[in-house]
Amino acid sequence: MTLRAYKNTTPDIESGCYVDESAVIVGNVTLAADASIWPLVAGRGDVNYIQIGKRTNIQDGSVLHVSRGTHANPDGFPLIIGDDVTVGHKCMLHGCKLGNRILVGMGAIVMDGVVVEDDVFIGAGTLVPPNKRLESGYLYVGNPMVKKRPLKESEIAFLSQSAQNYVDLKNEYLEQLPSF
């Protein structure tokens, strides 16, 4: 794995996390317990910070980034990802805030200023334009995204199960590799 400091700030990785050796994590990035970062993920906390919650997994080829502060938005847009979030392969999350128990489908793009409430599915290939708010308990799809329908109880239950599946998988990987 490649962990790099930026301006004397080094990523903070809690014990029990897995970061694949091909991933690059730079600067002000925090990973909470049992988080996992899979092959070819790039996370760059240089002009703002990235916070990744417990049991959250960021899958292969995803890009995590932030926006710096401006006169119009002095705090910029950090990237904050809650607990039990599954980020599918090749997603781009940029300066947004994701709550807990969310599934971001493969190839989705979530842009600056977006707030995603708890218990949400974002479909594969969905584009979430800047400054949108995705309400809890719904499926969002499309380019640009639209609120498609309420989630079924089984889908809401799957959100936690998906996160647990990746905790189990990262534990299998850690059994074979040195841990943090």
Protein backbone atom coordinates (compact mmCIF):
# COMPACT_ATOMS: atom_id res chain seq x y z
CA MET A 1 0.00 0.00 0.00
CA THR A 2 1.09 3.55 -0.55
CA LEU A 3 0.39 5.95 2.28
CA ARG A 4 1.82 9.40 1.62
CA ALA A 5 2.11 12.49 3.74
CA TYR A 6 1.05 15.82 2.32
CA LYS A 7 2.17 19.00 4.10
CA ASN A 8 3.22 16.89 7.10
CA THR A 9 -0.20 15.21 7.41
CA THR A 10 -0.16 11.44 7.14
CA PRO A 11 -3.22 9.20 6.69
CA ASP A 12 -4.62 7.86 9.98
CA ILE A 13 -5.56 4.21 9.64
CA GLU A 14 -7.19 2.49 12.64
CA SER A 15 -6.26 -1.08 13.47
CA GLY A 16 -8.15 -3.79 11.67
CA CYS A 17 -8.38 -1.84 8.41
CA TYR A 18 -7.26 -3.25 5.09
CA VAL A 19 -5.61 -1.08 2.44
CA ASP A 20 -4.56 -2.93 -0.71
CA GLU A 21 -0.92 -2.52 -1.71
CA SER A 22 -1.95 -0.96 -5.04
CA ALA A 23 -4.09 1.76 -3.43
CA VAL A 24 -2.74 5.29 -2.93
CA ILE A 25 -3.92 7.24 0.12
CA VAL A 26 -2.50 10.75 0.51
CA GLY A 27 -2.64 13.40 3.24
CA ASN A 28 -5.52 14.11 5.58
CA VAL A 29 -7.40 10.81 5.31
CA THR A 30 -8.89 8.90 8.25
CA LEU A 31 -10.11 5.31 8.11
CA ALA A 32 -12.21 4.07 11.05
CA ALA A 33 -12.18 0.50 12.38
CA ASP A 34 -12.77 -2.34 9.92
CA ALA A 35 -12.77 -0.09 6.83
CA SER A 36 -11.32 -1.53 3.64
CA ILE A 37 -9.70 0.05 0.60
CA TRP A 38 -9.41 -2.28 -2.39
CA PRO A 39 -7.07 -2.40 -5.43
CA LEU A 40 -6.30 0.78 -7.38
CA VAL A 41 -8.29 3.16 -5.16
CA ALA A 42 -6.93 6.71 -5.06
CA GLY A 43 -7.80 8.84 -2.03
CA ARG A 44 -6.31 12.33 -2.01
CA GLY A 45 -6.89 14.41 1.11
CA ASP A 46 -4.68 17.30 0.11
CA VAL A 47 -6.76 20.51 -0.05
CA ASN A 48 -9.38 19.23 2.43
CA TYR A 49 -9.96 16.06 4.45
CA ILE A 50 -11.40 12.60 3.80
CA GLN A 51 -13.14 10.68 6.58
CA ILE A 52 -14.18 7.05 6.06
CA GLY A 53 -16.42 5.37 8.64
CA LYS A 54 -16.47 2.00 10.36
CA ARG A 55 -16.98 -1.11 8.24
CA THR A 56 -17.06 0.97 5.06
CA ASN A 57 -15.54 -0.49 1.90
CA ILE A 58 -14.20 1.38 -1.11
CA GLN A 59 -13.94 -0.99 -4.05
CA ASP A 60 -11.50 -1.32 -6.91
CA GLY A 61 -10.63 1.70 -9.04
CA SER A 62 -12.65 4.27 -7.10
CA VAL A 63 -11.47 7.87 -6.74
CA LEU A 64 -11.94 9.84 -3.52
CA HIS A 65 -11.27 13.58 -3.54
CA VAL A 66 -12.19 16.94 -2.03
CA SER A 67 -12.50 20.65 -2.89
CA ARG A 68 -10.58 23.49 -1.31
CA GLY A 69 -12.19 26.48 0.36
CA THR A 70 -13.09 29.55 -1.69
CA HIS A 71 -14.53 33.00 -0.91
CA ALA A 72 -18.00 31.66 -1.69
CA ASN A 73 -17.45 28.46 0.33
CA PRO A 74 -14.66 29.02 2.90
CA ASP A 75 -14.76 25.42 4.21
CA GLY A 76 -14.63 23.87 0.75
CA PHE A 77 -16.02 20.38 0.46
CA PRO A 78 -14.44 17.56 2.46
CA LEU A 79 -15.39 13.96 1.69
CA ILE A 80 -17.20 12.36 4.61
CA ILE A 81 -18.39 8.76 4.35
CA GLY A 82 -20.35 7.22 7.22
CA ASP A 83 -20.46 3.71 8.66
CA ASP A 84 -21.46 0.54 6.78
CA VAL A 85 -21.17 2.12 3.34
CA THR A 86 -20.41 0.03 0.24
CA VAL A 87 -18.81 2.00 -2.60
CA GLY A 88 -18.84 -0.10 -5.75
CA HIS A 89 -16.09 -0.50 -8.31
CA LYS A 90 -14.87 2.57 -10.21
CA CYS A 91 -16.94 5.20 -8.40
CA MET A 92 -15.99 8.84 -8.03
CA LEU A 93 -16.87 10.59 -4.78
CA HIS A 94 -15.88 14.25 -4.76
CA GLY A 95 -16.47 16.60 -1.83
CA CYS A 96 -19.74 15.00 -0.73
CA LYS A 97 -21.20 13.68 2.50
CA LEU A 98 -22.60 10.15 2.70
CA GLY A 99 -24.50 8.98 5.78
CA ASN A 100 -24.67 5.41 7.08
CA ARG A 101 -25.78 2.21 5.35
CA ILE A 102 -25.49 3.38 1.76
CA LEU A 103 -24.70 1.45 -1.40
CA VAL A 104 -23.08 3.43 -4.21
CA GLY A 105 -23.38 1.34 -7.37
CA MET A 106 -20.51 0.68 -9.77
CA GLY A 107 -19.40 3.66 -11.82
CA ALA A 108 -21.53 6.20 -9.95
CA ILE A 109 -20.35 9.80 -9.62
CA VAL A 110 -21.33 11.87 -6.58
CA MET A 111 -20.26 15.52 -6.82
CA ASP A 112 -19.41 18.44 -4.54
CA GLY A 113 -21.89 19.49 -1.89
CA VAL A 114 -24.12 16.43 -2.22
CA VAL A 115 -25.59 15.11 1.04
CA VAL A 116 -26.80 11.51 1.06
CA GLU A 117 -28.93 10.63 4.07
CA ASP A 118 -28.85 7.17 5.73
CA ASP A 119 -30.23 4.01 4.06
CA VAL A 120 -29.92 4.93 0.37
CA PHE A 121 -29.14 2.99 -2.82
CA ILE A 122 -27.42 4.92 -5.63
CA GLY A 123 -27.70 2.84 -8.79
CA ALA A 124 -24.79 1.84 -11.01
CA GLY A 125 -23.72 4.59 -13.40
CA THR A 126 -25.76 7.27 -11.61
CA LEU A 127 -24.59 10.90 -11.75
CA VAL A 128 -25.53 12.94 -8.68
CA PRO A 129 -25.06 16.64 -9.61
CA PRO A 130 -23.60 19.16 -7.14
CA ASN A 131 -25.49 20.26 -4.02
CA LYS A 132 -28.31 17.70 -4.20
CA ARG A 133 -29.78 16.02 -1.11
CA LEU A 134 -30.77 12.35 -1.37
CA GLU A 135 -33.53 11.47 1.09
CA SER A 136 -33.27 8.43 3.34
CA GLY A 137 -34.97 5.22 2.24
CA TYR A 138 -34.92 5.62 -1.54
CA LEU A 139 -33.29 4.27 -4.70
CA TYR A 140 -31.75 6.93 -6.95
CA VAL A 141 -30.79 6.20 -10.57
CA GLY A 142 -29.95 7.96 -13.83
CA ASN A 143 -27.83 10.65 -15.40
CA PRO A 144 -28.70 13.05 -13.90
CA MET A 145 -30.14 11.10 -10.98
CA VAL A 146 -33.81 10.87 -10.16
CA LYS A 147 -35.56 9.48 -7.07
CA LYS A 148 -36.89 6.20 -8.45
CA ARG A 149 -38.78 4.51 -5.58
CA PRO A 150 -38.77 3.71 -1.87
CA LEU A 151 -36.46 0.91 -0.77
CA LYS A 152 -37.97 -2.41 0.26
CA GLU A 153 -37.29 -3.67 3.78
CA SER A 154 -35.11 -6.44 2.32
CA GLU A 155 -33.01 -3.84 0.49
CA ILE A 156 -32.52 -1.79 3.64
CA ALA A 157 -31.41 -4.96 5.47
CA PHE A 158 -28.98 -5.72 2.63
CA LEU A 159 -27.13 -2.43 3.20
CA SER A 160 -25.70 -3.62 6.54
CA GLN A 161 -25.14 -7.13 5.17
CA SER A 162 -23.13 -5.78 2.23
CA ALA A 163 -20.84 -3.91 4.61
CA GLN A 164 -20.44 -7.03 6.78
CA ASN A 165 -19.60 -9.13 3.72
CA TYR A 166 -16.66 -6.81 3.05
CA VAL A 167 -15.56 -6.87 6.70
CA ASP A 168 -15.43 -10.66 6.42
CA LEU A 169 -13.51 -10.47 3.14
CA LYS A 170 -10.96 -7.95 4.40
CA ASN A 171 -10.41 -10.17 7.47
CA GLU A 172 -9.58 -13.07 5.12
CA TYR A 173 -7.08 -10.81 3.33
CA LEU A 174 -5.56 -9.63 6.62
CA GLU A 175 -5.00 -13.23 7.71
CA GLN A 176 -2.59 -13.52 4.77
CA LEU A 177 -0.96 -10.08 5.09
CA PRO A 178 0.64 -8.00 7.82
CA SER A 179 -1.96 -5.83 9.58
CA PHE A 180 -1.66 -2.23 10.76
